PDB file of all heavy atoms in Angstrom:
ATOM      1  N   GLY A   1     169.215  91.591  42.576  1.00  0.00           N
ATOM      2  CA  GLY A   1     168.558  92.897  42.616  1.00  0.00           C
ATOM      3  C   GLY A   1     169.078  93.886  41.602  1.00  0.00           C
ATOM      4  O   GLY A   1     168.353  94.777  41.178  1.00  0.00           O
ATOM      5  N   GLY A   2     170.338  93.773  41.218  1.00  0.00           N
ATOM      6  CA  GLY A   2     170.880  94.734  40.263  1.00  0.00           C
ATOM      7  C   GLY A   2     171.491  95.931  40.954  1.00  0.00           C
ATOM      8  O   GLY A   2     171.340  96.151  42.160  1.00  0.00           O
ATOM      9  N   GLU A   3     172.189  96.748  40.176  1.00  0.00           N
ATOM     10  CA  GLU A   3     172.940  97.870  40.740  1.00  0.00           C
ATOM     11  C   GLU A   3     172.069  99.037  41.157  1.00  0.00           C
ATOM     12  O   GLU A   3     172.501  99.912  41.906  1.00  0.00           O
ATOM     13  CB  GLU A   3     173.970  98.353  39.709  1.00  0.00           C
ATOM     14  CG  GLU A   3     173.356  98.859  38.411  1.00  0.00           C
ATOM     15  CD  GLU A   3     174.410  99.320  37.419  1.00  0.00           C
ATOM     16  OE1 GLU A   3     175.593  99.048  37.645  1.00  0.00           O
ATOM     17  OE2 GLU A   3     174.024  99.975  36.423  1.00  0.00           O
ATOM     18  N   HIS A   4     170.830  99.083  40.682  1.00  0.00           N
ATOM     19  CA  HIS A   4     169.950 100.203  41.021  1.00  0.00           C
ATOM     20  C   HIS A   4     169.085  99.908  42.247  1.00  0.00           C
ATOM     21  O   HIS A   4     168.224 100.718  42.603  1.00  0.00           O
ATOM     22  CB  HIS A   4     169.052 100.548  39.832  1.00  0.00           C
ATOM     23  CG  HIS A   4     169.817 101.020  38.629  1.00  0.00           C
ATOM     24  ND1 HIS A   4     170.577 102.172  38.653  1.00  0.00           N
ATOM     25  CD2 HIS A   4     169.962 100.495  37.383  1.00  0.00           C
ATOM     26  CE1 HIS A   4     171.142 102.352  37.481  1.00  0.00           C
ATOM     27  NE2 HIS A   4     170.791 101.345  36.683  1.00  0.00           N
ATOM     28  N   VAL A   5     169.293  98.754  42.873  1.00  0.00           N
ATOM     29  CA  VAL A   5     168.552  98.414  44.085  1.00  0.00           C
ATOM     30  C   VAL A   5     169.308  98.953  45.296  1.00  0.00           C
ATOM     31  O   VAL A   5     170.541  98.865  45.365  1.00  0.00           O
ATOM     32  CB  VAL A   5     168.375  96.881  44.206  1.00  0.00           C
ATOM     33  CG1 VAL A   5     167.720  96.529  45.540  1.00  0.00           C
ATOM     34  CG2 VAL A   5     167.542  96.359  43.051  1.00  0.00           C
ATOM     35  N   ALA A   6     168.582  99.509  46.251  1.00  0.00           N
ATOM     36  CA  ALA A   6     169.201 100.099  47.449  1.00  0.00           C
ATOM     37  C   ALA A   6     169.541  99.001  48.451  1.00  0.00           C
ATOM     38  O   ALA A   6     168.874  98.826  49.469  1.00  0.00           O
ATOM     39  CB  ALA A   6     168.261 101.135  48.066  1.00  0.00           C
ATOM     40  N   HIS A   7     170.614  98.271  48.161  1.00  0.00           N
ATOM     41  CA  HIS A   7     170.979  97.143  49.016  1.00  0.00           C
ATOM     42  C   HIS A   7     171.286  97.570  50.442  1.00  0.00           C
ATOM     43  O   HIS A   7     170.969  96.854  51.396  1.00  0.00           O
ATOM     44  CB  HIS A   7     172.188  96.414  48.418  1.00  0.00           C
ATOM     45  CG  HIS A   7     171.928  95.796  47.083  1.00  0.00           C
ATOM     46  ND1 HIS A   7     170.988  94.803  46.893  1.00  0.00           N
ATOM     47  CD2 HIS A   7     172.483  96.026  45.856  1.00  0.00           C
ATOM     48  CE1 HIS A   7     170.979  94.437  45.619  1.00  0.00           C
ATOM     49  NE2 HIS A   7     171.871  95.172  44.971  1.00  0.00           N
ATOM     50  N   MET A   8     171.935  98.725  50.602  1.00  0.00           N
ATOM     51  CA  MET A   8     172.294  99.165  51.952  1.00  0.00           C
ATOM     52  C   MET A   8     171.053  99.520  52.775  1.00  0.00           C
ATOM     53  O   MET A   8     171.028  99.317  53.988  1.00  0.00           O
ATOM     54  CB  MET A   8     173.241 100.369  51.877  1.00  0.00           C
ATOM     55  CG  MET A   8     174.630 100.023  51.360  1.00  0.00           C
ATOM     56  SD  MET A   8     175.474  98.750  52.340  1.00  0.00           S
ATOM     57  CE  MET A   8     175.316  97.320  51.236  1.00  0.00           C
ATOM     58  N   ALA A   9     170.025 100.031  52.101  1.00  0.00           N
ATOM     59  CA  ALA A   9     168.775 100.314  52.818  1.00  0.00           C
ATOM     60  C   ALA A   9     168.136  99.014  53.289  1.00  0.00           C
ATOM     61  O   ALA A   9     167.647  98.915  54.427  1.00  0.00           O
ATOM     62  CB  ALA A   9     167.816 101.081  51.908  1.00  0.00           C
ATOM     63  N   HIS A  10     168.161  97.983  52.425  1.00  0.00           N
ATOM     64  CA  HIS A  10     167.617  96.676  52.805  1.00  0.00           C
ATOM     65  C   HIS A  10     168.410  96.103  53.982  1.00  0.00           C
ATOM     66  O   HIS A  10     167.833  95.631  54.969  1.00  0.00           O
ATOM     67  CB  HIS A  10     167.695  95.700  51.623  1.00  0.00           C
ATOM     68  CG  HIS A  10     166.880  96.132  50.453  1.00  0.00           C
ATOM     69  ND1 HIS A  10     166.858  95.427  49.263  1.00  0.00           N
ATOM     70  CD2 HIS A  10     166.042  97.187  50.260  1.00  0.00           C
ATOM     71  CE1 HIS A  10     166.061  96.028  48.405  1.00  0.00           C
ATOM     72  NE2 HIS A  10     165.558  97.103  48.985  1.00  0.00           N
ATOM     73  N   LEU A  11     169.738  96.135  53.848  1.00  0.00           N
ATOM     74  CA  LEU A  11     170.587  95.565  54.886  1.00  0.00           C
ATOM     75  C   LEU A  11     170.464  96.339  56.194  1.00  0.00           C
ATOM     76  O   LEU A  11     170.408  95.750  57.276  1.00  0.00           O
ATOM     77  CB  LEU A  11     172.044  95.563  54.413  1.00  0.00           C
ATOM     78  CG  LEU A  11     173.076  94.960  55.369  1.00  0.00           C
ATOM     79  CD1 LEU A  11     172.741  93.512  55.670  1.00  0.00           C
ATOM     80  CD2 LEU A  11     174.475  95.086  54.788  1.00  0.00           C
ATOM     81  N   GLY A  12     170.398  97.662  56.093  1.00  0.00           N
ATOM     82  CA  GLY A  12     170.257  98.471  57.299  1.00  0.00           C
ATOM     83  C   GLY A  12     168.969  98.178  58.037  1.00  0.00           C
ATOM     84  O   GLY A  12     168.957  98.054  59.268  1.00  0.00           O
ATOM     85  N   GLY A  13     167.863  98.061  57.280  1.00  0.00           N
ATOM     86  CA  GLY A  13     166.588  97.734  57.924  1.00  0.00           C
ATOM     87  C   GLY A  13     166.604  96.362  58.555  1.00  0.00           C
ATOM     88  O   GLY A  13     166.100  96.166  59.670  1.00  0.00           O
ATOM     89  N   ALA A  14     167.195  95.377  57.847  1.00  0.00           N
ATOM     90  CA  ALA A  14     167.259  94.014  58.372  1.00  0.00           C
ATOM     91  C   ALA A  14     168.111  93.956  59.638  1.00  0.00           C
ATOM     92  O   ALA A  14     167.730  93.317  60.630  1.00  0.00           O
ATOM     93  CB  ALA A  14     167.823  93.078  57.306  1.00  0.00           C
ATOM     94  N   LEU A  15     169.277  94.614  59.620  1.00  0.00           N
ATOM     95  CA  LEU A  15     170.146  94.615  60.804  1.00  0.00           C
ATOM     96  C   LEU A  15     169.477  95.316  61.982  1.00  0.00           C
ATOM     97  O   LEU A  15     169.591  94.867  63.128  1.00  0.00           O
ATOM     98  CB  LEU A  15     171.468  95.312  60.468  1.00  0.00           C
ATOM     99  CG  LEU A  15     172.425  94.535  59.564  1.00  0.00           C
ATOM    100  CD1 LEU A  15     173.639  95.393  59.221  1.00  0.00           C
ATOM    101  CD2 LEU A  15     172.872  93.235  60.225  1.00  0.00           C
ATOM    102  N   CYS A  16     168.770  96.397  61.675  1.00  0.00           N
ATOM    103  CA  CYS A  16     168.059  97.113  62.741  1.00  0.00           C
ATOM    104  C   CYS A  16     167.001  96.216  63.375  1.00  0.00           C
ATOM    105  O   CYS A  16     166.864  96.172  64.595  1.00  0.00           O
ATOM    106  CB  CYS A  16     167.421  98.378  62.179  1.00  0.00           C
ATOM    107  SG  CYS A  16     166.505  99.344  63.405  1.00  0.00           S
ATOM    108  N   GLY A  17     166.241  95.489  62.525  1.00  0.00           N
ATOM    109  CA  GLY A  17     165.240  94.574  63.056  1.00  0.00           C
ATOM    110  C   GLY A  17     165.856  93.508  63.931  1.00  0.00           C
ATOM    111  O   GLY A  17     165.339  93.180  65.015  1.00  0.00           O
ATOM    112  N   LEU A  18     166.986  92.959  63.493  1.00  0.00           N
ATOM    113  CA  LEU A  18     167.657  91.914  64.263  1.00  0.00           C
ATOM    114  C   LEU A  18     168.164  92.459  65.598  1.00  0.00           C
ATOM    115  O   LEU A  18     167.925  91.860  66.659  1.00  0.00           O
ATOM    116  CB  LEU A  18     168.827  91.358  63.441  1.00  0.00           C
ATOM    117  CG  LEU A  18     169.649  90.253  64.095  1.00  0.00           C
ATOM    118  CD1 LEU A  18     168.803  89.000  64.298  1.00  0.00           C
ATOM    119  CD2 LEU A  18     170.876  89.920  63.238  1.00  0.00           C
ATOM    120  N   ILE A  19     168.849  93.596  65.542  1.00  0.00           N
ATOM    121  CA  ILE A  19     169.405  94.176  66.771  1.00  0.00           C
ATOM    122  C   ILE A  19     168.298  94.617  67.716  1.00  0.00           C
ATOM    123  O   ILE A  19     168.379  94.420  68.933  1.00  0.00           O
ATOM    124  CB  ILE A  19     170.329  95.362  66.428  1.00  0.00           C
ATOM    125  CG1 ILE A  19     171.561  94.856  65.669  1.00  0.00           C
ATOM    126  CG2 ILE A  19     170.752  96.112  67.681  1.00  0.00           C
ATOM    127  CD1 ILE A  19     172.412  95.963  65.083  1.00  0.00           C
ATOM    128  N   TYR A  20     167.242  95.200  67.154  1.00  0.00           N
ATOM    129  CA  TYR A  20     166.131  95.694  67.977  1.00  0.00           C
ATOM    130  C   TYR A  20     165.517  94.570  68.798  1.00  0.00           C
ATOM    131  O   TYR A  20     165.316  94.699  70.007  1.00  0.00           O
ATOM    132  CB  TYR A  20     165.081  96.327  67.080  1.00  0.00           C
ATOM    133  CG  TYR A  20     163.925  96.976  67.799  1.00  0.00           C
ATOM    134  CD1 TYR A  20     163.945  98.341  68.082  1.00  0.00           C
ATOM    135  CD2 TYR A  20     162.803  96.249  68.184  1.00  0.00           C
ATOM    136  CE1 TYR A  20     162.890  98.952  68.725  1.00  0.00           C
ATOM    137  CE2 TYR A  20     161.744  96.845  68.835  1.00  0.00           C
ATOM    138  CZ  TYR A  20     161.787  98.198  69.107  1.00  0.00           C
ATOM    139  OH  TYR A  20     160.729  98.786  69.762  1.00  0.00           O
ATOM    140  N   LEU A  21     165.214  93.448  68.140  1.00  0.00           N
ATOM    141  CA  LEU A  21     164.584  92.353  68.863  1.00  0.00           C
ATOM    142  C   LEU A  21     165.543  91.680  69.824  1.00  0.00           C
ATOM    143  O   LEU A  21     165.167  91.354  70.958  1.00  0.00           O
ATOM    144  CB  LEU A  21     163.996  91.321  67.891  1.00  0.00           C
ATOM    145  CG  LEU A  21     162.529  91.562  67.555  1.00  0.00           C
ATOM    146  CD1 LEU A  21     162.355  92.740  66.612  1.00  0.00           C
ATOM    147  CD2 LEU A  21     161.890  90.327  66.948  1.00  0.00           C
ATOM    148  N   LYS A  22     166.783  91.486  69.402  1.00  0.00           N
ATOM    149  CA  LYS A  22     167.751  90.858  70.288  1.00  0.00           C
ATOM    150  C   LYS A  22     168.036  91.735  71.498  1.00  0.00           C
ATOM    151  O   LYS A  22     168.122  91.245  72.626  1.00  0.00           O
ATOM    152  CB  LYS A  22     169.051  90.564  69.535  1.00  0.00           C
ATOM    153  CG  LYS A  22     168.935  89.456  68.508  1.00  0.00           C
ATOM    154  CD  LYS A  22     168.637  88.120  69.167  1.00  0.00           C
ATOM    155  CE  LYS A  22     168.638  86.986  68.156  1.00  0.00           C
ATOM    156  NZ  LYS A  22     168.354  85.676  68.781  1.00  0.00           N
ATOM    157  N   MET A  23     168.209  93.034  71.275  1.00  0.00           N
ATOM    158  CA  MET A  23     168.458  93.940  72.387  1.00  0.00           C
ATOM    159  C   MET A  23     167.243  94.058  73.286  1.00  0.00           C
ATOM    160  O   MET A  23     167.367  94.216  74.494  1.00  0.00           O
ATOM    161  CB  MET A  23     168.852  95.327  71.865  1.00  0.00           C
ATOM    162  CG  MET A  23     170.256  95.397  71.290  1.00  0.00           C
ATOM    163  SD  MET A  23     171.530  94.939  72.499  1.00  0.00           S
ATOM    164  CE  MET A  23     171.353  96.260  73.693  1.00  0.00           C
ATOM    165  N   ASP A  24     166.060  93.972  72.704  1.00  0.00           N
ATOM    166  CA  ASP A  24     164.842  94.025  73.509  1.00  0.00           C
ATOM    167  C   ASP A  24     164.791  92.847  74.460  1.00  0.00           C
ATOM    168  O   ASP A  24     164.480  92.990  75.641  1.00  0.00           O
ATOM    169  CB  ASP A  24     163.609  94.029  72.603  1.00  0.00           C
ATOM    170  CG  ASP A  24     162.326  94.232  73.406  1.00  0.00           C
ATOM    171  OD1 ASP A  24     162.240  95.208  74.165  1.00  0.00           O
ATOM    172  OD2 ASP A  24     161.421  93.403  73.266  1.00  0.00           O
ATOM    173  N   TRP A  25     165.138  91.668  73.938  1.00  0.00           N
ATOM    174  CA  TRP A  25     165.179  90.501  74.825  1.00  0.00           C
ATOM    175  C   TRP A  25     166.250  90.686  75.894  1.00  0.00           C
ATOM    176  O   TRP A  25     166.042  90.372  77.064  1.00  0.00           O
ATOM    177  CB  TRP A  25     165.477  89.245  74.012  1.00  0.00           C
ATOM    178  CG  TRP A  25     164.417  88.924  73.016  1.00  0.00           C
ATOM    179  CD1 TRP A  25     163.105  89.309  73.053  1.00  0.00           C
ATOM    180  CD2 TRP A  25     164.567  88.155  71.807  1.00  0.00           C
ATOM    181  NE1 TRP A  25     162.441  88.835  71.954  1.00  0.00           N
ATOM    182  CE2 TRP A  25     163.304  88.126  71.180  1.00  0.00           C
ATOM    183  CE3 TRP A  25     165.650  87.504  71.214  1.00  0.00           C
ATOM    184  CZ2 TRP A  25     163.086  87.452  69.984  1.00  0.00           C
ATOM    185  CZ3 TRP A  25     165.441  86.830  70.022  1.00  0.00           C
ATOM    186  CH2 TRP A  25     164.175  86.806  69.411  1.00  0.00           C
ATOM    187  N   ARG A  26     167.408  91.233  75.492  1.00  0.00           N
ATOM    188  CA  ARG A  26     168.488  91.435  76.452  1.00  0.00           C
ATOM    189  C   ARG A  26     168.103  92.475  77.490  1.00  0.00           C
ATOM    190  O   ARG A  26     168.387  92.324  78.678  1.00  0.00           O
ATOM    191  CB  ARG A  26     169.747  91.864  75.701  1.00  0.00           C
ATOM    192  CG  ARG A  26     170.999  91.869  76.560  1.00  0.00           C
ATOM    193  CD  ARG A  26     172.227  92.132  75.705  1.00  0.00           C
ATOM    194  NE  ARG A  26     172.389  91.121  74.678  1.00  0.00           N
ATOM    195  CZ  ARG A  26     173.278  91.209  73.701  1.00  0.00           C
ATOM    196  NH1 ARG A  26     174.067  92.266  73.629  1.00  0.00           N
ATOM    197  NH2 ARG A  26     173.386  90.258  72.804  1.00  0.00           N
ATOM    198  N   TRP A  27     167.443  93.555  77.025  1.00  0.00           N
ATOM    199  CA  TRP A  27     167.020  94.577  77.976  1.00  0.00           C
ATOM    200  C   TRP A  27     165.965  94.043  78.931  1.00  0.00           C
ATOM    201  O   TRP A  27     165.924  94.421  80.104  1.00  0.00           O
ATOM    202  CB  TRP A  27     166.492  95.801  77.237  1.00  0.00           C
ATOM    203  CG  TRP A  27     167.557  96.682  76.694  1.00  0.00           C
ATOM    204  CD1 TRP A  27     167.789  96.987  75.384  1.00  0.00           C
ATOM    205  CD2 TRP A  27     168.567  97.377  77.424  1.00  0.00           C
ATOM    206  NE1 TRP A  27     168.875  97.809  75.256  1.00  0.00           N
ATOM    207  CE2 TRP A  27     169.373  98.078  76.484  1.00  0.00           C
ATOM    208  CE3 TRP A  27     168.875  97.471  78.779  1.00  0.00           C
ATOM    209  CZ2 TRP A  27     170.454  98.852  76.874  1.00  0.00           C
ATOM    210  CZ3 TRP A  27     169.961  98.257  79.167  1.00  0.00           C
ATOM    211  CH2 TRP A  27     170.728  98.934  78.216  1.00  0.00           C
ATOM    212  N   ASN A  28     165.080  93.171  78.418  1.00  0.00           N
ATOM    213  CA  ASN A  28     164.098  92.564  79.311  1.00  0.00           C
ATOM    214  C   ASN A  28     164.787  91.744  80.391  1.00  0.00           C
ATOM    215  O   ASN A  28     164.414  91.787  81.568  1.00  0.00           O
ATOM    216  CB  ASN A  28     163.139  91.673  78.516  1.00  0.00           C
ATOM    217  CG  ASN A  28     162.145  92.480  77.721  1.00  0.00           C
ATOM    218  OD1 ASN A  28     161.911  93.647  78.011  1.00  0.00           O
ATOM    219  ND2 ASN A  28     161.546  91.881  76.704  1.00  0.00           N
ATOM    220  N   TRP A  29     165.808  90.957  79.982  1.00  0.00           N
ATOM    221  CA  TRP A  29     166.560  90.164  80.945  1.00  0.00           C
ATOM    222  C   TRP A  29     167.279  91.066  81.934  1.00  0.00           C
ATOM    223  O   TRP A  29     167.249  90.843  83.146  1.00  0.00           O
ATOM    224  CB  TRP A  29     167.557  89.283  80.194  1.00  0.00           C
ATOM    225  CG  TRP A  29     168.506  88.556  81.098  1.00  0.00           C
ATOM    226  CD1 TRP A  29     168.293  87.378  81.756  1.00  0.00           C
ATOM    227  CD2 TRP A  29     169.834  88.974  81.467  1.00  0.00           C
ATOM    228  NE1 TRP A  29     169.398  87.045  82.494  1.00  0.00           N
ATOM    229  CE2 TRP A  29     170.358  87.990  82.346  1.00  0.00           C
ATOM    230  CE3 TRP A  29     170.622  90.075  81.129  1.00  0.00           C
ATOM    231  CZ2 TRP A  29     171.630  88.091  82.882  1.00  0.00           C
ATOM    232  CZ3 TRP A  29     171.890  90.172  81.673  1.00  0.00           C
ATOM    233  CH2 TRP A  29     172.382  89.189  82.537  1.00  0.00           C
ATOM    234  N   LEU A  30     167.933  92.137  81.394  1.00  0.00           N
ATOM    235  CA  LEU A  30     168.645  93.062  82.254  1.00  0.00           C
ATOM    236  C   LEU A  30     167.689  93.787  83.194  1.00  0.00           C
ATOM    237  O   LEU A  30     168.002  94.010  84.366  1.00  0.00           O
ATOM    238  CB  LEU A  30     169.412  94.070  81.394  1.00  0.00           C
ATOM    239  CG  LEU A  30     170.256  95.108  82.142  1.00  0.00           C
ATOM    240  CD1 LEU A  30     171.319  94.413  82.976  1.00  0.00           C
ATOM    241  CD2 LEU A  30     170.910  96.073  81.149  1.00  0.00           C
ATOM    242  N   GLY A  31     166.502  94.133  82.669  1.00  0.00           N
ATOM    243  CA  GLY A  31     165.511  94.804  83.508  1.00  0.00           C
ATOM    244  C   GLY A  31     165.078  93.935  84.683  1.00  0.00           C
ATOM    245  O   GLY A  31     164.917  94.417  85.800  1.00  0.00           O
ATOM    246  N   ARG A  32     164.894  92.636  84.410  1.00  0.00           N
ATOM    247  CA  ARG A  32     164.525  91.728  85.504  1.00  0.00           C
ATOM    248  C   ARG A  32     165.638  91.636  86.544  1.00  0.00           C
ATOM    249  O   ARG A  32     165.383  91.599  87.749  1.00  0.00           O
ATOM    250  CB  ARG A  32     164.201  90.353  84.938  1.00  0.00           C
ATOM    251  CG  ARG A  32     162.895  90.297  84.152  1.00  0.00           C
ATOM    252  CD  ARG A  32     162.474  88.862  83.911  1.00  0.00           C
ATOM    253  NE  ARG A  32     163.448  88.143  83.098  1.00  0.00           N
ATOM    254  CZ  ARG A  32     163.402  88.075  81.775  1.00  0.00           C
ATOM    255  NH1 ARG A  32     162.445  88.712  81.122  1.00  0.00           N
ATOM    256  NH2 ARG A  32     164.312  87.393  81.106  1.00  0.00           N
ATOM    257  N   ARG A  33     166.896  91.591  86.051  1.00  0.00           N
ATOM    258  CA  ARG A  33     168.014  91.505  86.987  1.00  0.00           C
ATOM    259  C   ARG A  33     168.110  92.768  87.848  1.00  0.00           C
ATOM    260  O   ARG A  33     168.351  92.691  89.062  1.00  0.00           O
ATOM    261  CB  ARG A  33     169.325  91.308  86.217  1.00  0.00           C
ATOM    262  CG  ARG A  33     169.443  89.974  85.505  1.00  0.00           C
ATOM    263  CD  ARG A  33     169.456  88.817  86.504  1.00  0.00           C
ATOM    264  NE  ARG A  33     170.598  88.880  87.388  1.00  0.00           N
ATOM    265  CZ  ARG A  33     171.772  88.303  87.148  1.00  0.00           C
ATOM    266  NH1 ARG A  33     171.944  87.613  86.021  1.00  0.00           N
ATOM    267  NH2 ARG A  33     172.761  88.394  88.004  1.00  0.00           N
ATOM    268  N   LEU A  34     167.923  93.943  87.210  1.00  0.00           N
ATOM    269  CA  LEU A  34     167.972  95.196  87.966  1.00  0.00           C
ATOM    270  C   LEU A  34     166.826  95.292  88.968  1.00  0.00           C
ATOM    271  O   LEU A  34     167.005  95.787  90.079  1.00  0.00           O
ATOM    272  CB  LEU A  34     167.935  96.386  87.002  1.00  0.00           C
ATOM    273  CG  LEU A  34     169.178  96.586  86.131  1.00  0.00           C
ATOM    274  CD1 LEU A  34     168.942  97.711  85.132  1.00  0.00           C
ATOM    275  CD2 LEU A  34     170.393  96.896  86.995  1.00  0.00           C
ATOM    276  N   LYS A  35     165.658  94.806  88.542  1.00  0.00           N
ATOM    277  CA  LYS A  35     164.511  94.816  89.452  1.00  0.00           C
ATOM    278  C   LYS A  35     164.772  93.920  90.655  1.00  0.00           C
ATOM    279  O   LYS A  35     164.464  94.288  91.800  1.00  0.00           O
ATOM    280  CB  LYS A  35     163.264  94.345  88.708  1.00  0.00           C
ATOM    281  CG  LYS A  35     161.982  94.485  89.513  1.00  0.00           C
ATOM    282  CD  LYS A  35     160.790  94.096  88.667  1.00  0.00           C
ATOM    283  CE  LYS A  35     159.492  94.261  89.457  1.00  0.00           C
ATOM    284  NZ  LYS A  35     158.309  93.879  88.632  1.00  0.00           N
ATOM    285  N   ASP A  36     165.355  92.739  90.403  1.00  0.00           N
ATOM    286  CA  ASP A  36     165.693  91.833  91.508  1.00  0.00           C
ATOM    287  C   ASP A  36     166.736  92.463  92.420  1.00  0.00           C
ATOM    288  O   ASP A  36     166.656  92.330  93.649  1.00  0.00           O
ATOM    289  CB  ASP A  36     166.222  90.504  90.958  1.00  0.00           C
ATOM    290  CG  ASP A  36     165.145  89.694  90.258  1.00  0.00           C
ATOM    291  OD1 ASP A  36     163.953  89.980  90.491  1.00  0.00           O
ATOM    292  OD2 ASP A  36     165.490  88.790  89.471  1.00  0.00           O
ATOM    293  N   LEU A  37     167.712  93.165  91.815  1.00  0.00           N
ATOM    294  CA  LEU A  37     168.750  93.813  92.611  1.00  0.00           C
ATOM    295  C   LEU A  37     168.155  94.905  93.485  1.00  0.00           C
ATOM    296  O   LEU A  37     168.502  95.022  94.676  1.00  0.00           O
ATOM    297  CB  LEU A  37     169.819  94.391  91.680  1.00  0.00           C
ATOM    298  CG  LEU A  37     170.990  95.114  92.362  1.00  0.00           C
ATOM    299  CD1 LEU A  37     171.743  94.169  93.275  1.00  0.00           C
ATOM    300  CD2 LEU A  37     171.927  95.713  91.325  1.00  0.00           C
TER     301      LEU A  37
END
């Protein structure tokens, strides 16, 4: 990409996407457990 590419913006967006989906799955699991409780 070169030095003028916003690598941190790319990485931040990618990490956010990964965490968002993983946490969403985890929250869904946690939500089911809380509902059962």
